[in-house]
N, C-alpha and C. Protein backbone atom coordinates (compact mmCIF):
# COMPACT_ATOMS: atom_id res chain seq x y z
N MET A 1 -53.51 -19.75 -6.07
CA MET A 1 -53.45 -18.43 -6.42
C MET A 1 -52.35 -17.38 -6.38
N ALA A 2 -51.44 -17.94 -5.18
CA ALA A 2 -50.36 -17.45 -5.04
C ALA A 2 -48.87 -17.96 -6.18
N ALA A 3 -49.64 -19.21 -6.51
CA ALA A 3 -48.74 -20.06 -7.84
C ALA A 3 -48.55 -18.97 -8.70
N LYS A 4 -50.08 -18.67 -9.09
CA LYS A 4 -50.04 -17.83 -10.57
C LYS A 4 -49.55 -16.43 -10.25
N LYS A 5 -49.53 -15.83 -9.10
CA LYS A 5 -48.94 -14.38 -9.36
C LYS A 5 -47.65 -14.78 -9.41
N THR A 6 -46.86 -16.22 -8.69
CA THR A 6 -45.52 -15.78 -8.66
C THR A 6 -45.25 -16.25 -10.31
N THR A 7 -45.98 -16.99 -11.24
CA THR A 7 -45.67 -17.50 -12.43
C THR A 7 -45.92 -16.44 -13.05
N LYS A 8 -46.27 -15.25 -12.94
CA LYS A 8 -46.60 -13.85 -13.75
C LYS A 8 -45.63 -12.97 -13.37
N LYS A 9 -45.14 -13.42 -12.11
CA LYS A 9 -43.68 -12.71 -11.97
C LYS A 9 -42.85 -13.00 -12.52
N LYS A 10 -42.65 -14.61 -12.91
CA LYS A 10 -41.59 -14.93 -13.24
C LYS A 10 -41.68 -14.50 -14.53
N THR A 11 -42.50 -14.45 -15.26
CA THR A 11 -42.97 -14.00 -16.62
C THR A 11 -42.59 -13.10 -17.03
N SER A 12 -43.48 -11.96 -16.30
CA SER A 12 -42.91 -10.74 -16.55
C SER A 12 -41.41 -10.26 -16.17
N THR A 13 -40.70 -10.84 -15.42
CA THR A 13 -39.27 -10.56 -15.41
C THR A 13 -38.57 -11.24 -16.42
N LYS A 14 -39.10 -12.58 -17.10
CA LYS A 14 -38.63 -12.70 -18.30
C LYS A 14 -38.67 -12.02 -19.53
N LYS A 15 -39.96 -11.20 -19.15
CA LYS A 15 -40.60 -10.41 -20.55
C LYS A 15 -39.42 -9.25 -20.46
N LYS A 16 -39.24 -8.40 -19.11
CA LYS A 16 -38.63 -7.38 -19.13
C LYS A 16 -36.84 -8.01 -19.55
N THR A 17 -36.37 -9.03 -19.38
CA THR A 17 -35.11 -9.46 -19.57
C THR A 17 -35.27 -9.14 -21.16
N SER A 18 -36.17 -9.85 -21.86
CA SER A 18 -35.90 -10.13 -23.22
C SER A 18 -36.18 -8.81 -23.80
N THR A 19 -37.47 -7.97 -23.07
CA THR A 19 -37.54 -6.79 -23.91
C THR A 19 -36.31 -5.91 -23.74
N ARG A 20 -35.48 -5.79 -22.73
CA ARG A 20 -33.91 -5.13 -22.72
C ARG A 20 -33.23 -5.35 -23.91
N LYS A 21 -33.17 -6.79 -23.98
CA LYS A 21 -31.98 -7.21 -24.94
C LYS A 21 -32.55 -6.49 -26.30
N SER A 22 -34.02 -6.93 -26.86
CA SER A 22 -33.95 -6.50 -27.99
C SER A 22 -34.24 -5.09 -28.30
N ALA A 23 -34.45 -4.01 -26.91
CA ALA A 23 -34.60 -2.76 -27.20
C ALA A 23 -32.89 -2.41 -27.52
N SER A 24 -31.99 -3.18 -26.53
CA SER A 24 -30.68 -2.61 -27.07
C SER A 24 -29.93 -2.99 -28.04
N LYS A 25 -30.06 -2.07 -28.86
CA LYS A 25 -30.07 -1.84 -30.11
C LYS A 25 -27.94 -1.47 -30.28
N ASP A 26 -27.47 -1.25 -29.24
CA ASP A 26 -26.05 -0.83 -29.27
C ASP A 26 -25.12 -2.04 -29.70
N PRO A 27 -24.39 -1.59 -30.78
CA PRO A 27 -23.60 -2.50 -31.69
C PRO A 27 -22.75 -2.95 -31.00
N ALA A 28 -22.12 -1.91 -29.81
CA ALA A 28 -20.95 -2.64 -28.96
C ALA A 28 -21.15 -3.53 -28.44
N ASP A 29 -22.74 -4.50 -28.16
CA ASP A 29 -22.92 -5.55 -27.62
C ASP A 29 -22.39 -6.68 -28.41
N ASN A 30 -22.69 -6.46 -29.86
CA ASN A 30 -22.36 -7.40 -30.67
C ASN A 30 -21.00 -7.28 -31.37
N ARG A 31 -20.33 -6.47 -31.29
CA ARG A 31 -18.76 -6.05 -31.94
C ARG A 31 -17.73 -7.30 -31.92
N GLU A 32 -17.00 -7.29 -32.89
CA GLU A 32 -16.24 -8.26 -33.43
C GLU A 32 -14.94 -7.57 -32.92
N ASN A 33 -14.66 -6.48 -32.77
CA ASN A 33 -13.45 -6.11 -32.66
C ASN A 33 -13.63 -4.69 -31.50
N LYS A 34 -12.50 -5.07 -30.12
CA LYS A 34 -12.52 -4.40 -28.93
C LYS A 34 -11.80 -3.12 -29.28
N ARG A 35 -12.86 -2.04 -28.60
CA ARG A 35 -12.61 -0.55 -28.85
C ARG A 35 -11.85 -0.25 -27.50
N ILE A 36 -10.78 0.91 -27.67
CA ILE A 36 -10.24 1.27 -26.69
C ILE A 36 -10.86 2.68 -26.05
N PRO A 37 -11.18 3.34 -24.81
CA PRO A 37 -11.86 4.35 -24.65
C PRO A 37 -10.77 5.66 -24.81
N ILE A 38 -10.79 6.56 -25.75
CA ILE A 38 -9.66 7.50 -26.24
C ILE A 38 -10.52 8.76 -26.81
N GLN A 39 -9.96 9.79 -26.29
CA GLN A 39 -10.42 11.04 -27.16
C GLN A 39 -9.21 11.65 -28.16
N LEU A 40 -9.48 11.59 -29.41
CA LEU A 40 -9.11 12.31 -30.18
C LEU A 40 -9.70 12.98 -31.08
N LEU A 41 -9.12 14.01 -31.60
CA LEU A 41 -9.72 14.77 -32.89
C LEU A 41 -9.60 14.21 -34.05
N VAL A 42 -10.82 14.24 -34.93
CA VAL A 42 -11.32 13.35 -35.84
C VAL A 42 -11.86 14.44 -36.92
N ASP A 43 -10.93 14.48 -37.85
CA ASP A 43 -11.38 15.19 -39.07
C ASP A 43 -12.19 14.05 -40.08
N TYR A 44 -13.16 15.03 -40.49
CA TYR A 44 -14.10 13.87 -41.61
C TYR A 44 -14.64 14.82 -42.18
N LYS A 45 -14.84 14.20 -43.74
CA LYS A 45 -15.33 14.74 -44.63
C LYS A 45 -16.89 14.01 -45.28
N ALA A 46 -17.91 14.88 -45.29
CA ALA A 46 -19.27 13.74 -45.52
C ALA A 46 -19.94 15.12 -46.66
N ASN A 47 -20.18 14.56 -47.38
CA ASN A 47 -21.35 15.13 -48.39
C ASN A 47 -20.60 16.13 -48.64
N GLY A 48 -19.61 16.36 -48.97
CA GLY A 48 -18.72 17.69 -49.73
C GLY A 48 -18.70 18.65 -48.00
N HIS A 49 -18.65 18.29 -47.32
CA HIS A 49 -18.37 19.32 -46.10
C HIS A 49 -16.88 18.55 -45.26
N TYR A 50 -16.32 19.42 -44.83
CA TYR A 50 -15.22 19.14 -43.82
C TYR A 50 -15.42 19.71 -42.54
N LEU A 51 -15.50 18.43 -41.64
CA LEU A 51 -15.92 18.67 -40.59
C LEU A 51 -15.02 17.92 -39.61
N PHE A 52 -15.14 18.63 -38.04
CA PHE A 52 -14.26 17.80 -37.31
C PHE A 52 -15.03 17.58 -35.66
N ASP A 53 -14.68 16.68 -35.11
CA ASP A 53 -15.15 16.62 -33.87
C ASP A 53 -14.07 15.64 -33.02
N PHE A 54 -14.50 15.28 -32.03
CA PHE A 54 -13.94 14.27 -31.35
C PHE A 54 -14.38 12.60 -31.15
N CYS A 55 -13.57 11.92 -31.01
CA CYS A 55 -13.99 10.56 -30.59
C CYS A 55 -13.97 10.14 -29.54
N ARG A 56 -14.64 9.13 -29.33
CA ARG A 56 -14.74 8.82 -27.55
C ARG A 56 -14.21 7.38 -27.27
N ASP A 57 -14.38 6.36 -28.44
CA ASP A 57 -13.76 5.54 -28.24
C ASP A 57 -13.17 4.80 -30.11
N LEU A 58 -12.26 4.03 -30.18
CA LEU A 58 -11.52 3.67 -31.46
C LEU A 58 -11.13 1.98 -31.26
N GLY A 59 -11.08 1.70 -32.47
CA GLY A 59 -11.14 0.07 -32.46
C GLY A 59 -10.42 -0.13 -34.24
N THR A 60 -10.13 -1.27 -34.02
CA THR A 60 -9.47 -1.79 -35.44
C THR A 60 -10.59 -1.83 -36.22
N GLY A 61 -12.03 -1.93 -35.79
CA GLY A 61 -13.13 -2.17 -36.72
C GLY A 61 -14.01 -0.82 -37.09
N GLY A 62 -13.89 0.00 -36.21
CA GLY A 62 -14.26 1.61 -36.30
C GLY A 62 -14.32 2.24 -35.26
N ILE A 63 -14.68 3.37 -35.37
CA ILE A 63 -14.66 4.40 -34.33
C ILE A 63 -15.98 5.13 -33.97
N PHE A 64 -16.40 6.02 -32.39
CA PHE A 64 -17.41 6.47 -32.43
C PHE A 64 -17.23 7.98 -32.21
N ILE A 65 -17.93 8.65 -32.93
CA ILE A 65 -17.69 10.17 -33.20
C ILE A 65 -18.75 10.92 -32.10
N GLU A 66 -18.28 11.78 -31.49
CA GLU A 66 -19.25 12.25 -30.27
C GLU A 66 -19.43 13.50 -31.59
N THR A 67 -21.02 13.87 -31.76
CA THR A 67 -21.27 14.88 -32.59
C THR A 67 -22.80 15.41 -32.21
N LYS A 68 -23.12 16.54 -31.99
CA LYS A 68 -24.60 16.88 -31.84
C LYS A 68 -25.24 16.94 -33.38
N SER A 69 -24.59 16.54 -34.31
CA SER A 69 -25.52 16.31 -35.60
C SER A 69 -24.81 15.39 -36.44
N PRO A 70 -25.41 14.03 -35.78
CA PRO A 70 -24.77 12.93 -36.62
C PRO A 70 -25.09 12.79 -37.77
N LEU A 71 -24.54 12.24 -38.83
CA LEU A 71 -24.47 12.04 -40.17
C LEU A 71 -25.79 10.81 -40.22
N ASP A 72 -26.65 10.40 -41.32
CA ASP A 72 -27.33 9.75 -41.42
C ASP A 72 -27.17 8.41 -41.50
N GLN A 73 -27.35 7.20 -40.86
CA GLN A 73 -27.16 5.89 -41.18
C GLN A 73 -26.94 5.43 -42.61
N GLY A 74 -25.86 4.63 -42.86
CA GLY A 74 -25.23 4.76 -44.25
C GLY A 74 -24.49 5.60 -44.88
N SER A 75 -24.39 6.77 -44.51
CA SER A 75 -23.72 7.79 -45.05
C SER A 75 -21.98 7.69 -45.16
N PRO A 76 -21.18 7.63 -46.32
CA PRO A 76 -20.16 7.25 -46.75
C PRO A 76 -19.38 8.51 -45.84
N ILE A 77 -18.39 8.12 -45.03
CA ILE A 77 -17.15 9.35 -44.60
C ILE A 77 -15.54 8.94 -44.87
N ASP A 78 -15.47 10.17 -45.10
CA ASP A 78 -13.65 10.01 -44.84
C ASP A 78 -12.98 10.49 -43.71
N LEU A 79 -12.29 9.65 -43.11
CA LEU A 79 -11.96 10.08 -41.85
C LEU A 79 -9.93 10.27 -42.09
N THR A 80 -9.84 11.18 -41.02
CA THR A 80 -8.16 11.47 -40.92
C THR A 80 -8.16 11.67 -39.03
N PHE A 81 -7.06 10.90 -38.55
CA PHE A 81 -7.04 11.39 -37.37
C PHE A 81 -5.62 10.50 -36.51
N THR A 82 -4.87 11.24 -35.87
CA THR A 82 -3.62 11.06 -35.46
C THR A 82 -3.45 9.71 -34.10
N ILE A 83 -2.43 8.63 -34.33
CA ILE A 83 -2.75 8.06 -33.29
C ILE A 83 -1.42 8.63 -32.48
N PRO A 84 -2.19 8.63 -31.07
CA PRO A 84 -1.03 9.49 -29.91
C PRO A 84 0.28 8.84 -30.02
N ASP A 85 0.47 7.84 -29.86
CA ASP A 85 1.75 7.52 -29.37
C ASP A 85 2.83 7.38 -30.64
N SER A 86 2.38 7.21 -31.78
CA SER A 86 3.30 6.97 -33.11
C SER A 86 3.31 8.36 -33.89
N LYS A 87 2.39 9.38 -33.38
CA LYS A 87 2.15 10.46 -34.27
C LYS A 87 1.73 10.31 -35.62
N GLU A 88 1.33 9.08 -35.90
CA GLU A 88 1.22 8.64 -37.42
C GLU A 88 -0.39 9.28 -37.98
N THR A 89 -0.63 10.01 -38.52
CA THR A 89 -1.80 10.35 -39.60
C THR A 89 -2.40 8.98 -40.04
N LEU A 90 -3.79 8.72 -39.85
CA LEU A 90 -4.19 7.86 -40.26
C LEU A 90 -5.57 7.98 -41.37
N ASN A 91 -5.48 7.95 -42.47
CA ASN A 91 -6.85 8.17 -43.24
C ASN A 91 -7.49 6.82 -43.89
N ALA A 92 -8.83 6.80 -43.21
CA ALA A 92 -9.63 5.63 -43.63
C ALA A 92 -11.08 6.38 -44.39
N LYS A 93 -11.48 5.32 -44.84
CA LYS A 93 -12.87 5.46 -45.74
C LYS A 93 -14.02 4.44 -44.40
N GLY A 94 -14.73 5.23 -44.22
CA GLY A 94 -15.77 4.58 -43.60
C GLY A 94 -17.37 4.72 -43.83
N GLU A 95 -18.15 4.27 -43.00
CA GLU A 95 -19.74 4.28 -43.41
C GLU A 95 -20.28 4.14 -42.01
N VAL A 96 -21.26 5.23 -41.93
CA VAL A 96 -21.96 5.59 -40.34
C VAL A 96 -23.00 4.15 -40.34
N ILE A 97 -22.88 3.10 -39.35
CA ILE A 97 -23.60 2.16 -39.31
C ILE A 97 -24.59 2.40 -38.29
N TRP A 98 -24.50 3.39 -36.92
CA TRP A 98 -25.47 3.80 -36.24
C TRP A 98 -25.28 5.10 -35.81
N VAL A 99 -26.44 5.79 -35.29
CA VAL A 99 -26.68 6.90 -34.99
C VAL A 99 -27.29 7.04 -33.55
N GLN A 100 -26.71 7.55 -32.77
CA GLN A 100 -27.03 8.14 -31.26
C GLN A 100 -27.44 9.44 -31.37
N LYS A 101 -28.96 9.88 -31.56
CA LYS A 101 -29.11 11.04 -31.46
C LYS A 101 -28.99 11.95 -29.66
N PRO A 102 -29.38 12.80 -29.68
CA PRO A 102 -29.28 13.13 -28.15
C PRO A 102 -30.03 13.11 -27.58
N VAL A 103 -30.19 12.65 -26.25
CA VAL A 103 -30.84 12.41 -25.17
C VAL A 103 -30.76 12.73 -23.75
N GLY A 104 -30.97 13.85 -23.66
CA GLY A 104 -30.63 14.43 -22.15
C GLY A 104 -29.27 14.67 -22.29
N SER A 105 -28.86 14.39 -20.72
CA SER A 105 -27.43 15.17 -20.34
C SER A 105 -26.83 13.24 -20.35
N GLU A 106 -27.69 12.20 -20.50
CA GLU A 106 -26.94 11.21 -19.73
C GLU A 106 -26.13 10.27 -20.93
N VAL A 107 -26.91 10.69 -21.99
CA VAL A 107 -26.15 9.54 -23.59
C VAL A 107 -25.61 10.63 -24.54
N THR A 108 -24.49 10.19 -24.70
CA THR A 108 -23.76 11.33 -26.00
C THR A 108 -24.11 11.14 -26.97
N ALA A 109 -24.42 12.20 -27.74
CA ALA A 109 -24.88 12.15 -28.91
C ALA A 109 -23.71 11.87 -30.05
N GLY A 110 -23.87 11.21 -31.02
CA GLY A 110 -22.88 11.00 -31.89
C GLY A 110 -22.95 9.67 -32.85
N MET A 111 -21.93 8.99 -33.34
CA MET A 111 -22.41 8.19 -34.72
C MET A 111 -21.23 7.04 -34.40
N GLY A 112 -21.51 5.85 -34.48
CA GLY A 112 -20.46 4.92 -34.96
C GLY A 112 -20.26 4.50 -36.22
N VAL A 113 -19.01 4.27 -36.68
CA VAL A 113 -18.68 4.33 -38.17
C VAL A 113 -17.19 3.07 -38.49
N GLN A 114 -18.06 2.12 -39.27
CA GLN A 114 -17.29 1.24 -39.35
C GLN A 114 -15.87 1.48 -40.81
N PHE A 115 -14.88 1.06 -40.27
CA PHE A 115 -13.85 1.29 -41.25
C PHE A 115 -13.84 0.54 -42.55
N ASN A 116 -13.91 0.93 -43.37
CA ASN A 116 -14.13 -0.25 -44.79
C ASN A 116 -13.11 0.27 -45.87
N GLY A 117 -12.04 1.25 -45.13
CA GLY A 117 -11.04 1.09 -46.55
C GLY A 117 -9.91 1.73 -45.78
N PHE A 118 -8.69 1.01 -45.55
CA PHE A 118 -7.08 1.56 -44.90
C PHE A 118 -6.37 0.95 -45.97
N THR A 119 -5.23 1.41 -46.23
CA THR A 119 -4.20 1.04 -46.86
C THR A 119 -3.83 0.00 -45.90
N GLY A 120 -2.88 -1.28 -46.24
CA GLY A 120 -2.39 -2.39 -45.36
C GLY A 120 -1.52 -1.83 -44.37
N GLU A 121 -0.89 -1.13 -44.36
CA GLU A 121 -0.03 -0.29 -43.81
C GLU A 121 -0.52 0.34 -42.20
N GLN A 122 -1.39 1.43 -42.94
CA GLN A 122 -2.07 1.97 -42.17
C GLN A 122 -3.27 1.22 -40.95
N ARG A 123 -3.57 0.23 -41.58
CA ARG A 123 -4.37 -0.86 -40.71
C ARG A 123 -3.48 -1.73 -39.63
N LYS A 124 -2.28 -1.60 -40.07
CA LYS A 124 -1.25 -2.46 -39.27
C LYS A 124 -0.98 -1.37 -38.13
N VAL A 125 -0.80 -0.26 -38.42
CA VAL A 125 -0.63 0.96 -37.38
C VAL A 125 -1.61 0.78 -36.40
N LEU A 126 -2.93 0.79 -36.89
CA LEU A 126 -4.14 1.00 -36.17
C LEU A 126 -3.91 -0.02 -35.08
N GLU A 127 -3.98 -1.68 -35.50
CA GLU A 127 -3.79 -2.82 -35.12
C GLU A 127 -3.02 -2.85 -33.81
N LYS A 128 -1.68 -2.20 -34.18
CA LYS A 128 -0.63 -2.67 -33.01
C LYS A 128 -1.11 -1.27 -32.01
N PHE A 129 -1.60 -0.49 -32.17
CA PHE A 129 -1.93 0.81 -31.12
C PHE A 129 -2.97 0.14 -30.48
N VAL A 130 -3.85 -0.50 -30.80
CA VAL A 130 -5.08 -1.40 -30.33
C VAL A 130 -4.33 -2.65 -29.69
N GLU A 131 -3.64 -3.30 -30.14
CA GLU A 131 -2.80 -4.25 -29.09
C GLU A 131 -1.94 -3.68 -28.04
N ARG A 132 -1.34 -2.49 -28.09
CA ARG A 132 -0.13 -2.14 -27.28
C ARG A 132 -1.47 -1.79 -25.88
N TYR A 133 -2.24 -1.61 -26.15
CA TYR A 133 -3.18 -0.56 -25.31
C TYR A 133 -3.87 -1.75 -24.74
N HIS A 134 -4.19 -2.96 -25.16
CA HIS A 134 -5.24 -4.46 -24.64
C HIS A 134 -4.00 -4.94 -24.24
N GLY A 135 -2.59 -5.16 -24.72
CA GLY A 135 -1.70 -5.89 -24.23
C GLY A 135 -1.84 -7.44 -24.61
N LYS A 136 -2.81 -7.38 -25.79
CA LYS A 136 -2.75 -9.03 -26.49
C LYS A 136 -3.26 -8.29 -28.00
N ARG A 137 -3.02 -9.66 -28.90
CA ARG A 137 -3.24 -9.32 -30.10
C ARG A 137 -4.55 -9.68 -30.63
N PHE A 138 -5.05 -8.85 -31.81
CA PHE A 138 -6.66 -9.29 -32.13
C PHE A 138 -6.68 -10.15 -33.24
N HIS A 139 -5.37 -10.89 -33.77
CA HIS A 139 -5.18 -11.92 -34.95
C HIS A 139 -6.03 -13.53 -34.88
N ALA A 140 -6.72 -13.46 -35.34
CA ALA A 140 -7.34 -14.83 -35.72
C ALA A 140 -6.09 -16.16 -35.47
N GLU A 141 -4.89 -15.95 -36.10
CA GLU A 141 -4.35 -17.19 -36.31
C GLU A 141 -3.44 -17.03 -34.51
N ASP A 142 -3.33 -16.04 -33.82
CA ASP A 142 -2.45 -16.05 -32.66
C ASP A 142 -3.68 -16.52 -31.73
N ASP A 143 -4.65 -16.13 -32.07
CA ASP A 143 -5.90 -16.88 -30.90
C ASP A 143 -6.18 -18.77 -31.39
N LYS A 144 -5.91 -18.53 -32.51
CA LYS A 144 -6.22 -20.08 -32.59
C LYS A 144 -4.85 -20.79 -32.11
N ALA A 145 -3.79 -20.36 -32.30
CA ALA A 145 -2.76 -20.94 -32.01
C ALA A 145 -2.49 -21.11 -30.23
N LYS A 146 -3.26 -19.99 -29.66
CA LYS A 146 -3.21 -20.42 -28.06
C LYS A 146 -4.28 -21.29 -27.98
N ALA A 147 -5.37 -21.05 -28.62
CA ALA A 147 -6.18 -22.41 -28.29
C ALA A 147 -5.78 -23.72 -28.30
N SER A 148 -5.04 -23.94 -29.66
CA SER A 148 -4.68 -25.25 -29.61
C SER A 148 -3.51 -25.51 -28.56
N THR A 149 -2.81 -24.78 -28.19
CA THR A 149 -1.63 -25.21 -27.36
C THR A 149 -2.31 -25.13 -25.93
N ALA A 150 -3.32 -24.33 -25.31
CA ALA A 150 -4.32 -24.73 -23.98
C ALA A 150 -4.76 -25.83 -23.97
N ALA A 151 -5.08 -26.54 -25.00
CA ALA A 151 -6.07 -27.46 -25.27
C ALA A 151 -4.98 -29.09 -25.12
N SER A 152 -3.70 -28.66 -25.44
CA SER A 152 -2.77 -29.57 -25.37
C SER A 152 -2.48 -30.43 -24.25
């Protein structure tokens, strides 16, 4: 009988773990591009309205914008923000890929926006900023070169 309880306990522990993983819909867990914690003022245009809020983090693939009134998932958005150390203003097109509704005071409401339109030069400015922050490169070619060198 004790063995059955132990088995049930192990099963329930596994169940909780898998439930947590499936319940954790946070795209940050599966993100390909690293993000940096930073607070920047972001101007954005959506549905014919001009809005501004602060971002909480920024990466080469997207941005999280803190807002109590997030746009709907799938909404197109035009963004404008300034990289702090270059003072260069970047303009990008994006899409809201996930939304965090307000939940008490512990969870920040906002929306995750994936970039889908930068000029080549502006993308390089953003990549260089993120690289400086992390102290490494995010280019696949560089990662492959490092891996092959390490394997030799």
